[in-house]
Amino acid sequence: VHRFRIMRWEELPETHQRALREKGIDPDDRWSLIYSTPIREDAETM
């Protein structure tokens, strides 16, 4: 996983948010790694 990482957060339906909260997971702080590169300019392009 390279230095520059693109992370994605998606607003989930309320039922999914509730299910995550019941498991102790904060859906507002649930980011996913979707891309990484050693070059900042490539990350900005992506």
All heavy atoms as atom14 arrays in JSON, in Angstrom:
{
  "sequence": "VHRFRIMRWEELPETHQRALREKGIDPDDRWSLIYSTPIREDAETM",
  "atom14_mask": [
    [1, 1, 1, 1, 1, 1, 1, 0, 0, 0, 0, 0, 0, 0],
    [1, 1, 1, 1, 1, 1, 1, 1, 1, 1, 0, 0, 0, 0],
    [1, 1, 1, 1, 1, 1, 1, 1, 1, 1, 1, 0, 0, 0],
    [1, 1, 1, 1, 1, 1, 1, 1, 1, 1, 1, 0, 0, 0],
    [1, 1, 1, 1, 1, 1, 1, 1, 1, 1, 1, 0, 0, 0],
    [1, 1, 1, 1, 1, 1, 1, 1, 0, 0, 0, 0, 0, 0],
    [1, 1, 1, 1, 1, 1, 1, 1, 0, 0, 0, 0, 0, 0],
    [1, 1, 1, 1, 1, 1, 1, 1, 1, 1, 1, 0, 0, 0],
    [1, 1, 1, 1, 1, 1, 1, 1, 1, 1, 1, 1, 1, 1],
    [1, 1, 1, 1, 1, 1, 1, 1, 1, 0, 0, 0, 0, 0],
    [1, 1, 1, 1, 1, 1, 1, 1, 1, 0, 0, 0, 0, 0],
    [1, 1, 1, 1, 1, 1, 1, 1, 0, 0, 0, 0, 0, 0],
    [1, 1, 1, 1, 1, 1, 1, 0, 0, 0, 0, 0, 0, 0],
    [1, 1, 1, 1, 1, 1, 1, 1, 1, 0, 0, 0, 0, 0],
    [1, 1, 1, 1, 1, 1, 1, 0, 0, 0, 0, 0, 0, 0],
    [1, 1, 1, 1, 1, 1, 1, 1, 1, 1, 0, 0, 0, 0],
    [1, 1, 1, 1, 1, 1, 1, 1, 1, 0, 0, 0, 0, 0],
    [1, 1, 1, 1, 1, 1, 1, 1, 1, 1, 1, 0, 0, 0],
    [1, 1, 1, 1, 1, 0, 0, 0, 0, 0, 0, 0, 0, 0],
    [1, 1, 1, 1, 1, 1, 1, 1, 0, 0, 0, 0, 0, 0],
    [1, 1, 1, 1, 1, 1, 1, 1, 1, 1, 1, 0, 0, 0],
    [1, 1, 1, 1, 1, 1, 1, 1, 1, 0, 0, 0, 0, 0],
    [1, 1, 1, 1, 1, 1, 1, 1, 1, 0, 0, 0, 0, 0],
    [1, 1, 1, 1, 0, 0, 0, 0, 0, 0, 0, 0, 0, 0],
    [1, 1, 1, 1, 1, 1, 1, 1, 0, 0, 0, 0, 0, 0],
    [1, 1, 1, 1, 1, 1, 1, 1, 0, 0, 0, 0, 0, 0],
    [1, 1, 1, 1, 1, 1, 1, 0, 0, 0, 0, 0, 0, 0],
    [1, 1, 1, 1, 1, 1, 1, 1, 0, 0, 0, 0, 0, 0],
    [1, 1, 1, 1, 1, 1, 1, 1, 0, 0, 0, 0, 0, 0],
    [1, 1, 1, 1, 1, 1, 1, 1, 1, 1, 1, 0, 0, 0],
    [1, 1, 1, 1, 1, 1, 1, 1, 1, 1, 1, 1, 1, 1],
    [1, 1, 1, 1, 1, 1, 0, 0, 0, 0, 0, 0, 0, 0],
    [1, 1, 1, 1, 1, 1, 1, 1, 0, 0, 0, 0, 0, 0],
    [1, 1, 1, 1, 1, 1, 1, 1, 0, 0, 0, 0, 0, 0],
    [1, 1, 1, 1, 1, 1, 1, 1, 1, 1, 1, 1, 0, 0],
    [1, 1, 1, 1, 1, 1, 0, 0, 0, 0, 0, 0, 0, 0],
    [1, 1, 1, 1, 1, 1, 1, 0, 0, 0, 0, 0, 0, 0],
    [1, 1, 1, 1, 1, 1, 1, 0, 0, 0, 0, 0, 0, 0],
    [1, 1, 1, 1, 1, 1, 1, 1, 0, 0, 0, 0, 0, 0],
    [1, 1, 1, 1, 1, 1, 1, 1, 1, 1, 1, 0, 0, 0],
    [1, 1, 1, 1, 1, 1, 1, 1, 1, 0, 0, 0, 0, 0],
    [1, 1, 1, 1, 1, 1, 1, 1, 0, 0, 0, 0, 0, 0],
    [1, 1, 1, 1, 1, 0, 0, 0, 0, 0, 0, 0, 0, 0],
    [1, 1, 1, 1, 1, 1, 1, 1, 1, 0, 0, 0, 0, 0],
    [1, 1, 1, 1, 1, 1, 1, 0, 0, 0, 0, 0, 0, 0],
    [1, 1, 1, 1, 1, 1, 1, 1, 0, 0, 0, 0, 0, 0]
  ],
  "atom14_positions": [
    [[0.88, -1.15, 0.0], [0.0, 0.0, 0.0], [0.92, 1.21, 0.0], [1.69, 1.42, 0.94], [-0.94, 0.01, 1.22], [-1.84, 1.22, 1.18], [-1.75, -1.28, 1.28], [0.0, 0.0, 0.0], [0.0, 0.0, 0.0], [0.0, 0.0, 0.0], [0.0, 0.0, 0.0], [0.0, 0.0, 0.0], [0.0, 0.0, 0.0], [0.0, 0.0, 0.0]],
    [[0.88, 1.97, -1.08], [1.81, 3.07, -1.28], [1.52, 4.27, -0.38], [0.5, 4.31, 0.3], [1.82, 3.49, -2.75], [2.28, 2.4, -3.66], [3.59, 2.04, -3.78], [1.59, 1.57, -4.49], [3.72, 1.06, -4.64], [2.51, 0.75, -5.08], [0.0, 0.0, 0.0], [0.0, 0.0, 0.0], [0.0, 0.0, 0.0], [0.0, 0.0, 0.0]],
    [[2.42, 5.22, -0.42], [2.36, 6.4, 0.46], [1.08, 7.21, 0.29], [0.44, 7.56, 1.28], [3.58, 7.28, 0.16], [3.56, 8.56, 0.93], [4.76, 9.43, 0.63], [4.62, 10.7, 1.32], [5.55, 11.62, 1.32], [6.68, 11.44, 0.68], [5.36, 12.74, 1.98], [0.0, 0.0, 0.0], [0.0, 0.0, 0.0], [0.0, 0.0, 0.0]],
    [[0.7, 7.51, -0.95], [-0.48, 8.35, -1.19], [-1.68, 7.44, -1.44], [-1.67, 6.62, -2.36], [-0.23, 9.31, -2.35], [0.89, 10.25, -2.08], [2.14, 10.04, -2.63], [0.72, 11.33, -1.23], [3.19, 10.89, -2.36], [1.77, 12.19, -0.95], [3.01, 11.97, -1.52], [0.0, 0.0, 0.0], [0.0, 0.0, 0.0], [0.0, 0.0, 0.0]],
    [[-2.7, 7.6, -0.61], [-3.85, 6.69, -0.62], [-5.13, 7.47, -0.84], [-5.34, 8.52, -0.24], [-3.92, 5.95, 0.7], [-2.64, 5.18, 0.95], [-2.39, 4.88, 2.38], [-1.05, 4.3, 2.5], [-0.66, 3.59, 3.52], [-1.48, 3.36, 4.52], [0.57, 3.1, 3.54], [0.0, 0.0, 0.0], [0.0, 0.0, 0.0], [0.0, 0.0, 0.0]],
    [[-5.97, 6.95, -1.7], [-7.29, 7.54, -1.87], [-8.26, 6.7, -1.05], [-8.35, 5.48, -1.2], [-7.72, 7.6, -3.34], [-6.78, 8.56, -4.09], [-9.18, 8.07, -3.45], [-7.15, 8.8, -5.52], [0.0, 0.0, 0.0], [0.0, 0.0, 0.0], [0.0, 0.0, 0.0], [0.0, 0.0, 0.0], [0.0, 0.0, 0.0], [0.0, 0.0, 0.0]],
    [[-8.96, 7.4, -0.19], [-9.93, 6.78, 0.7], [-11.34, 7.21, 0.27], [-11.52, 8.35, -0.17], [-9.68, 7.2, 2.15], [-8.24, 6.99, 2.63], [-7.72, 5.29, 2.65], [-8.68, 4.68, 4.02], [0.0, 0.0, 0.0], [0.0, 0.0, 0.0], [0.0, 0.0, 0.0], [0.0, 0.0, 0.0], [0.0, 0.0, 0.0], [0.0, 0.0, 0.0]],
    [[-12.3, 6.3, 0.42], [-13.69, 6.62, 0.05], [-14.61, 6.39, 1.23], [-14.49, 5.4, 1.96], [-14.15, 5.77, -1.12], [-15.61, 6.05, -1.47], [-16.1, 5.39, -2.74], [-15.8, 3.98, -2.78], [-15.46, 3.34, -3.9], [-15.35, 3.99, -5.03], [-15.21, 2.05, -3.88], [0.0, 0.0, 0.0], [0.0, 0.0, 0.0], [0.0, 0.0, 0.0]],
    [[-15.55, 7.32, 1.41], [-16.61, 7.2, 2.4], [-17.93, 7.33, 1.67], [-18.09, 8.2, 0.81], [-16.49, 8.3, 3.46], [-17.62, 8.3, 4.43], [-17.71, 7.58, 5.58], [-18.83, 9.06, 4.34], [-18.91, 7.84, 6.21], [-19.61, 8.75, 5.46], [-19.33, 9.96, 3.41], [-20.86, 9.31, 5.68], [-20.58, 10.51, 3.63], [-21.33, 10.19, 4.76]],
    [[-18.87, 6.45, 1.97], [-20.19, 6.5, 1.35], [-21.26, 6.6, 2.43], [-21.19, 5.92, 3.45], [-20.45, 5.25, 0.51], [-19.55, 5.14, -0.68], [-19.94, 3.99, -1.6], [-21.14, 3.88, -1.94], [-19.05, 3.22, -1.95], [0.0, 0.0, 0.0], [0.0, 0.0, 0.0], [0.0, 0.0, 0.0], [0.0, 0.0, 0.0], [0.0, 0.0, 0.0]],
    [[-22.23, 7.45, 2.17], [-23.37, 7.56, 3.06], [-24.23, 6.32, 2.87], [-24.7, 6.03, 1.78], [-24.15, 8.82, 2.74], [-25.27, 9.09, 3.71], [-25.9, 10.44, 3.45], [-26.19, 10.75, 2.29], [-26.07, 11.17, 4.42], [0.0, 0.0, 0.0], [0.0, 0.0, 0.0], [0.0, 0.0, 0.0], [0.0, 0.0, 0.0], [0.0, 0.0, 0.0]],
    [[-24.42, 5.58, 3.94], [-25.17, 4.34, 3.88], [-26.64, 4.58, 4.22], [-26.97, 5.53, 4.93], [-24.59, 3.33, 4.89], [-23.14, 2.93, 4.67], [-22.65, 2.1, 5.83], [-22.97, 2.19, 3.35], [0.0, 0.0, 0.0], [0.0, 0.0, 0.0], [0.0, 0.0, 0.0], [0.0, 0.0, 0.0], [0.0, 0.0, 0.0], [0.0, 0.0, 0.0]],
    [[-27.52, 3.7, 3.76], [-28.93, 3.8, 4.16], [-29.04, 3.69, 5.69], [-28.2, 3.07, 6.34], [-29.59, 2.6, 3.49], [-28.66, 2.2, 2.39], [-27.28, 2.6, 2.84], [0.0, 0.0, 0.0], [0.0, 0.0, 0.0], [0.0, 0.0, 0.0], [0.0, 0.0, 0.0], [0.0, 0.0, 0.0], [0.0, 0.0, 0.0], [0.0, 0.0, 0.0]],
    [[-30.06, 4.28, 6.22], [-30.24, 4.33, 7.68], [-30.24, 2.94, 8.31], [-29.68, 2.75, 9.38], [-31.54, 5.07, 8.03], [-31.65, 5.42, 9.49], [-30.5, 6.3, 10.0], [-30.1, 7.25, 9.32], [-30.01, 6.01, 11.12], [0.0, 0.0, 0.0], [0.0, 0.0, 0.0], [0.0, 0.0, 0.0], [0.0, 0.0, 0.0], [0.0, 0.0, 0.0]],
    [[-30.81, 1.96, 7.63], [-30.84, 0.6, 8.2], [-29.42, 0.03, 8.32], [-29.11, -0.63, 9.31], [-31.71, -0.35, 7.35], [-31.26, -0.3, 5.99], [-33.17, 0.03, 7.42], [0.0, 0.0, 0.0], [0.0, 0.0, 0.0], [0.0, 0.0, 0.0], [0.0, 0.0, 0.0], [0.0, 0.0, 0.0], [0.0, 0.0, 0.0], [0.0, 0.0, 0.0]],
    [[-28.57, 0.31, 7.33], [-27.18, -0.15, 7.4], [-26.41, 0.59, 8.49], [-25.61, -0.01, 9.22], [-26.48, 0.06, 6.05], [-26.98, -0.83, 4.97], [-27.89, -0.41, 4.04], [-26.71, -2.13, 4.69], [-28.15, -1.41, 3.21], [-27.46, -2.46, 3.59], [0.0, 0.0, 0.0], [0.0, 0.0, 0.0], [0.0, 0.0, 0.0], [0.0, 0.0, 0.0]],
    [[-26.67, 1.89, 8.6], [-26.0, 2.66, 9.65], [-26.37, 2.13, 11.03], [-25.51, 1.96, 11.89], [-26.39, 4.14, 9.55], [-25.82, 4.84, 8.34], [-26.19, 6.3, 8.32], [-26.25, 6.94, 9.37], [-26.45, 6.84, 7.14], [0.0, 0.0, 0.0], [0.0, 0.0, 0.0], [0.0, 0.0, 0.0], [0.0, 0.0, 0.0], [0.0, 0.0, 0.0]],
    [[-27.63, 1.85, 11.23], [-28.1, 1.34, 12.52], [-27.45, -0.01, 12.83], [-27.0, -0.25, 13.95], [-29.63, 1.23, 12.5], [-30.24, 0.93, 13.83], [-31.78, 1.02, 13.86], [-32.47, 0.75, 12.62], [-33.02, 1.69, 11.82], [-32.93, 2.96, 12.15], [-33.65, 1.35, 10.72], [0.0, 0.0, 0.0], [0.0, 0.0, 0.0], [0.0, 0.0, 0.0]],
    [[-27.37, -0.9, 11.83], [-26.76, -2.21, 12.03], [-25.28, -2.08, 12.4], [-24.79, -2.81, 13.28], [-26.92, -3.07, 10.77], [0.0, 0.0, 0.0], [0.0, 0.0, 0.0], [0.0, 0.0, 0.0], [0.0, 0.0, 0.0], [0.0, 0.0, 0.0], [0.0, 0.0, 0.0], [0.0, 0.0, 0.0], [0.0, 0.0, 0.0], [0.0, 0.0, 0.0]],
    [[-24.57, -1.17, 11.76], [-23.16, -0.97, 12.11], [-23.02, -0.43, 13.52], [-22.15, -0.88, 14.28], [-22.51, -0.01, 11.11], [-22.25, -0.58, 9.71], [-21.8, 0.52, 8.77], [-21.2, -1.68, 9.77], [0.0, 0.0, 0.0], [0.0, 0.0, 0.0], [0.0, 0.0, 0.0], [0.0, 0.0, 0.0], [0.0, 0.0, 0.0], [0.0, 0.0, 0.0]],
    [[-23.86, 0.53, 13.89], [-23.79, 1.09, 15.25], [-24.05, 0.02, 16.31], [-23.43, 0.02, 17.36], [-24.78, 2.25, 15.39], [-24.3, 3.5, 14.69], [-25.18, 4.72, 15.01], [-24.66, 5.89, 14.33], [-25.15, 6.38, 13.21], [-26.21, 5.83, 12.63], [-24.61, 7.45, 12.65], [0.0, 0.0, 0.0], [0.0, 0.0, 0.0], [0.0, 0.0, 0.0]],
    [[-24.97, -0.9, 16.0], [-25.25, -1.99, 16.93], [-24.04, -2.89, 17.14], [-23.89, -3.52, 18.18], [-26.44, -2.82, 16.43], [-27.76, -2.1, 16.56], [-28.92, -2.83, 15.89], [-28.7, -3.93, 15.32], [-30.03, -2.29, 15.93], [0.0, 0.0, 0.0], [0.0, 0.0, 0.0], [0.0, 0.0, 0.0], [0.0, 0.0, 0.0], [0.0, 0.0, 0.0]],
    [[-23.14, -2.93, 16.15], [-21.91, -3.72, 16.25], [-20.74, -2.89, 16.77], [-19.61, -3.36, 16.81], [-21.54, -4.28, 14.87], [-22.53, -5.27, 14.34], [-22.14, -5.73, 12.96], [-23.17, -6.68, 12.39], [-22.84, -7.1, 11.03], [0.0, 0.0, 0.0], [0.0, 0.0, 0.0], [0.0, 0.0, 0.0], [0.0, 0.0, 0.0], [0.0, 0.0, 0.0]],
    [[-21.02, -1.64, 17.16], [-19.97, -0.79, 17.7], [-19.12, -0.1, 16.64], [-18.03, 0.38, 16.94], [0.0, 0.0, 0.0], [0.0, 0.0, 0.0], [0.0, 0.0, 0.0], [0.0, 0.0, 0.0], [0.0, 0.0, 0.0], [0.0, 0.0, 0.0], [0.0, 0.0, 0.0], [0.0, 0.0, 0.0], [0.0, 0.0, 0.0], [0.0, 0.0, 0.0]],
    [[-19.6, -0.05, 15.41], [-18.87, 0.58, 14.32], [-19.53, 1.91, 13.98], [-20.74, 1.98, 13.78], [-18.87, -0.34, 13.07], [-18.23, -1.68, 13.4], [-18.16, 0.35, 11.9], [-18.42, -2.73, 12.32], [0.0, 0.0, 0.0], [0.0, 0.0, 0.0], [0.0, 0.0, 0.0], [0.0, 0.0, 0.0], [0.0, 0.0, 0.0], [0.0, 0.0, 0.0]],
    [[-18.73, 2.97, 13.91], [-19.25, 4.29, 13.57], [-19.29, 4.44, 12.05], [-18.25, 4.54, 11.41], [-18.36, 5.37, 14.17], [-18.86, 6.78, 13.89], [-19.9, 6.94, 13.21], [-18.2, 7.73, 14.35], [0.0, 0.0, 0.0], [0.0, 0.0, 0.0], [0.0, 0.0, 0.0], [0.0, 0.0, 0.0], [0.0, 0.0, 0.0], [0.0, 0.0, 0.0]],
    [[-20.49, 4.46, 11.43], [-20.57, 4.56, 9.97], [-20.08, 5.9, 9.42], [-19.77, 6.02, 8.24], [-22.05, 4.35, 9.68], [-22.75, 4.73, 10.92], [-21.8, 4.39, 12.05], [0.0, 0.0, 0.0], [0.0, 0.0, 0.0], [0.0, 0.0, 0.0], [0.0, 0.0, 0.0], [0.0, 0.0, 0.0], [0.0, 0.0, 0.0], [0.0, 0.0, 0.0]],
    [[-19.99, 6.9, 10.27], [-19.51, 8.21, 9.83], [-17.99, 8.25, 9.73], [-17.43, 9.2, 9.2], [-20.0, 9.31, 10.76], [-21.52, 9.44, 10.74], [-22.11, 9.22, 9.66], [-22.11, 9.72, 11.79], [0.0, 0.0, 0.0], [0.0, 0.0, 0.0], [0.0, 0.0, 0.0], [0.0, 0.0, 0.0], [0.0, 0.0, 0.0], [0.0, 0.0, 0.0]],
    [[-17.33, 7.23, 10.27], [-15.86, 7.18, 10.23], [-15.41, 5.86, 9.59], [-14.44, 5.26, 10.0], [-15.29, 7.32, 11.65], [-13.8, 7.61, 11.61], [-13.34, 8.27, 10.66], [-13.1, 7.13, 12.52], [0.0, 0.0, 0.0], [0.0, 0.0, 0.0], [0.0, 0.0, 0.0], [0.0, 0.0, 0.0], [0.0, 0.0, 0.0], [0.0, 0.0, 0.0]],
    [[-16.14, 5.43, 8.59], [-15.86, 4.16, 7.91], [-15.33, 4.44, 6.51], [-16.07, 4.53, 5.55], [-17.14, 3.34, 7.84], [-16.92, 1.93, 7.43], [-18.2, 1.12, 7.67], [-18.01, -0.22, 7.2], [-18.47, -0.67, 6.05], [-19.16, 0.09, 5.25], [-18.24, -1.92, 5.68], [0.0, 0.0, 0.0], [0.0, 0.0, 0.0], [0.0, 0.0, 0.0]],
    [[-14.02, 4.61, 6.41], [-13.36, 4.92, 5.14], [-12.76, 3.65, 4.56], [-12.24, 2.81, 5.29], [-12.27, 5.95, 5.37], [-12.81, 7.3, 5.73], [-13.19, 7.71, 6.97], [-13.05, 8.39, 4.86], [-13.65, 9.0, 6.92], [-13.57, 9.45, 5.63], [-12.88, 8.59, 3.48], [-13.91, 10.68, 5.08], [-13.21, 9.81, 2.95], [-13.73, 10.84, 3.74]],
    [[-12.8, 3.52, 3.24], [-12.24, 2.36, 2.54], [-11.07, 2.81, 1.66], [-11.17, 3.8, 0.94], [-13.3, 1.72, 1.64], [-14.39, 1.3, 2.39], [0.0, 0.0, 0.0], [0.0, 0.0, 0.0], [0.0, 0.0, 0.0], [0.0, 0.0, 0.0], [0.0, 0.0, 0.0], [0.0, 0.0, 0.0], [0.0, 0.0, 0.0], [0.0, 0.0, 0.0]],
    [[-10.0, 2.05, 1.71], [-8.86, 2.28, 0.82], [-9.24, 1.75, -0.56], [-9.59, 0.59, -0.71], [-7.63, 1.55, 1.34], [-6.42, 1.51, 0.4], [-5.83, 2.91, 0.24], [-5.38, 0.55, 0.92], [0.0, 0.0, 0.0], [0.0, 0.0, 0.0], [0.0, 0.0, 0.0], [0.0, 0.0, 0.0], [0.0, 0.0, 0.0], [0.0, 0.0, 0.0]],
    [[-9.15, 2.61, -1.59], [-9.51, 2.15, -2.92], [-8.39, 2.31, -3.94], [-8.48, 1.76, -5.04], [-10.79, 2.84, -3.44], [-10.61, 4.35, -3.5], [-11.98, 2.48, -2.58], [-11.68, 5.02, -4.31], [0.0, 0.0, 0.0], [0.0, 0.0, 0.0], [0.0, 0.0, 0.0], [0.0, 0.0, 0.0], [0.0, 0.0, 0.0], [0.0, 0.0, 0.0]],
    [[-7.33, 3.04, -3.6], [-6.25, 3.26, -4.56], [-5.03, 3.75, -3.79], [-5.17, 4.5, -2.82], [-6.69, 4.32, -5.58], [-5.66, 4.69, -6.62], [-5.44, 3.89, -7.73], [-4.91, 5.85, -6.5], [-4.5, 4.23, -8.69], [-3.98, 6.2, -7.46], [-3.78, 5.4, -8.56], [-2.86, 5.73, -9.5], [0.0, 0.0, 0.0], [0.0, 0.0, 0.0]],
    [[-3.85, 3.35, -4.23], [-2.63, 3.89, -3.64], [-1.56, 4.02, -4.72], [-1.56, 3.28, -5.7], [-2.12, 3.02, -2.48], [-1.57, 1.81, -2.95], [0.0, 0.0, 0.0], [0.0, 0.0, 0.0], [0.0, 0.0, 0.0], [0.0, 0.0, 0.0], [0.0, 0.0, 0.0], [0.0, 0.0, 0.0], [0.0, 0.0, 0.0], [0.0, 0.0, 0.0]],
    [[-0.68, 4.98, -4.52], [0.38, 5.25, -5.48], [1.54, 5.92, -4.74], [1.32, 6.62, -3.75], [-0.11, 6.16, -6.63], [0.97, 6.44, -7.52], [-0.67, 7.47, -6.13], [0.0, 0.0, 0.0], [0.0, 0.0, 0.0], [0.0, 0.0, 0.0], [0.0, 0.0, 0.0], [0.0, 0.0, 0.0], [0.0, 0.0, 0.0], [0.0, 0.0, 0.0]],
    [[2.76, 5.75, -5.24], [3.89, 6.43, -4.61], [4.02, 7.9, -5.08], [4.82, 8.65, -4.53], [5.1, 5.61, -5.05], [4.68, 4.99, -6.34], [3.2, 4.76, -6.22], [0.0, 0.0, 0.0], [0.0, 0.0, 0.0], [0.0, 0.0, 0.0], [0.0, 0.0, 0.0], [0.0, 0.0, 0.0], [0.0, 0.0, 0.0], [0.0, 0.0, 0.0]],
    [[3.2, 8.3, -6.06], [3.34, 9.63, -6.67], [2.1, 10.47, -6.38], [0.98, 10.11, -6.77], [3.55, 9.49, -8.2], [4.77, 8.6, -8.46], [3.68, 10.85, -8.86], [4.89, 8.13, -9.89], [0.0, 0.0, 0.0], [0.0, 0.0, 0.0], [0.0, 0.0, 0.0], [0.0, 0.0, 0.0], [0.0, 0.0, 0.0], [0.0, 0.0, 0.0]],
    [[2.29, 11.6, -5.71], [1.17, 12.47, -5.33], [0.35, 12.92, -6.53], [-0.88, 12.95, -6.49], [1.65, 13.67, -4.53], [0.49, 14.57, -4.13], [0.84, 15.57, -3.06], [-0.37, 16.2, -2.58], [-1.13, 15.75, -1.6], [-0.8, 14.66, -0.96], [-2.22, 16.38, -1.22], [0.0, 0.0, 0.0], [0.0, 0.0, 0.0], [0.0, 0.0, 0.0]],
    [[1.02, 13.29, -7.61], [0.3, 13.77, -8.8], [-0.63, 12.7, -9.36], [-1.72, 13.01, -9.84], [1.29, 14.25, -9.88], [2.05, 15.5, -9.5], [3.22, 15.25, -8.54], [3.65, 14.08, -8.36], [3.7, 16.24, -7.94], [0.0, 0.0, 0.0], [0.0, 0.0, 0.0], [0.0, 0.0, 0.0], [0.0, 0.0, 0.0], [0.0, 0.0, 0.0]],
    [[-0.21, 11.45, -9.3], [-1.08, 10.35, -9.76], [-2.31, 10.23, -8.87], [-3.42, 9.98, -9.35], [-0.33, 9.03, -9.78], [0.72, 8.97, -10.88], [0.73, 9.86, -11.76], [1.54, 8.03, -10.85], [0.0, 0.0, 0.0], [0.0, 0.0, 0.0], [0.0, 0.0, 0.0], [0.0, 0.0, 0.0], [0.0, 0.0, 0.0], [0.0, 0.0, 0.0]],
    [[-2.13, 10.41, -7.58], [-3.26, 10.37, -6.65], [-4.23, 11.52, -6.92], [-5.45, 11.33, -6.91], [-2.77, 10.43, -5.2], [0.0, 0.0, 0.0], [0.0, 0.0, 0.0], [0.0, 0.0, 0.0], [0.0, 0.0, 0.0], [0.0, 0.0, 0.0], [0.0, 0.0, 0.0], [0.0, 0.0, 0.0], [0.0, 0.0, 0.0], [0.0, 0.0, 0.0]],
    [[-3.68, 12.7, -7.2], [-4.54, 13.85, -7.5], [-5.31, 13.64, -8.8], [-6.5, 13.99, -8.89], [-3.7, 15.12, -7.56], [-3.16, 15.52, -6.19], [-2.1, 16.62, -6.24], [-1.63, 16.97, -7.35], [-1.75, 17.11, -5.16], [0.0, 0.0, 0.0], [0.0, 0.0, 0.0], [0.0, 0.0, 0.0], [0.0, 0.0, 0.0], [0.0, 0.0, 0.0]],
    [[-4.66, 13.04, -9.81], [-5.34, 12.74, -11.06], [-6.47, 11.75, -10.83], [-7.59, 11.93, -11.31], [-4.34, 12.18, -12.1], [-3.34, 13.17, -12.35], [-5.03, 11.8, -13.39], [0.0, 0.0, 0.0], [0.0, 0.0, 0.0], [0.0, 0.0, 0.0], [0.0, 0.0, 0.0], [0.0, 0.0, 0.0], [0.0, 0.0, 0.0], [0.0, 0.0, 0.0]],
    [[-6.18, 10.69, -10.09], [-7.2, 9.67, -9.81], [-8.35, 10.26, -8.98], [-9.51, 9.94, -9.21], [-6.59, 8.48, -9.08], [-7.59, 7.39, -8.77], [-8.48, 6.74, -10.19], [-7.25, 5.67, -10.89], [0.0, 0.0, 0.0], [0.0, 0.0, 0.0], [0.0, 0.0, 0.0], [0.0, 0.0, 0.0], [0.0, 0.0, 0.0], [0.0, 0.0, 0.0]]
  ]
}
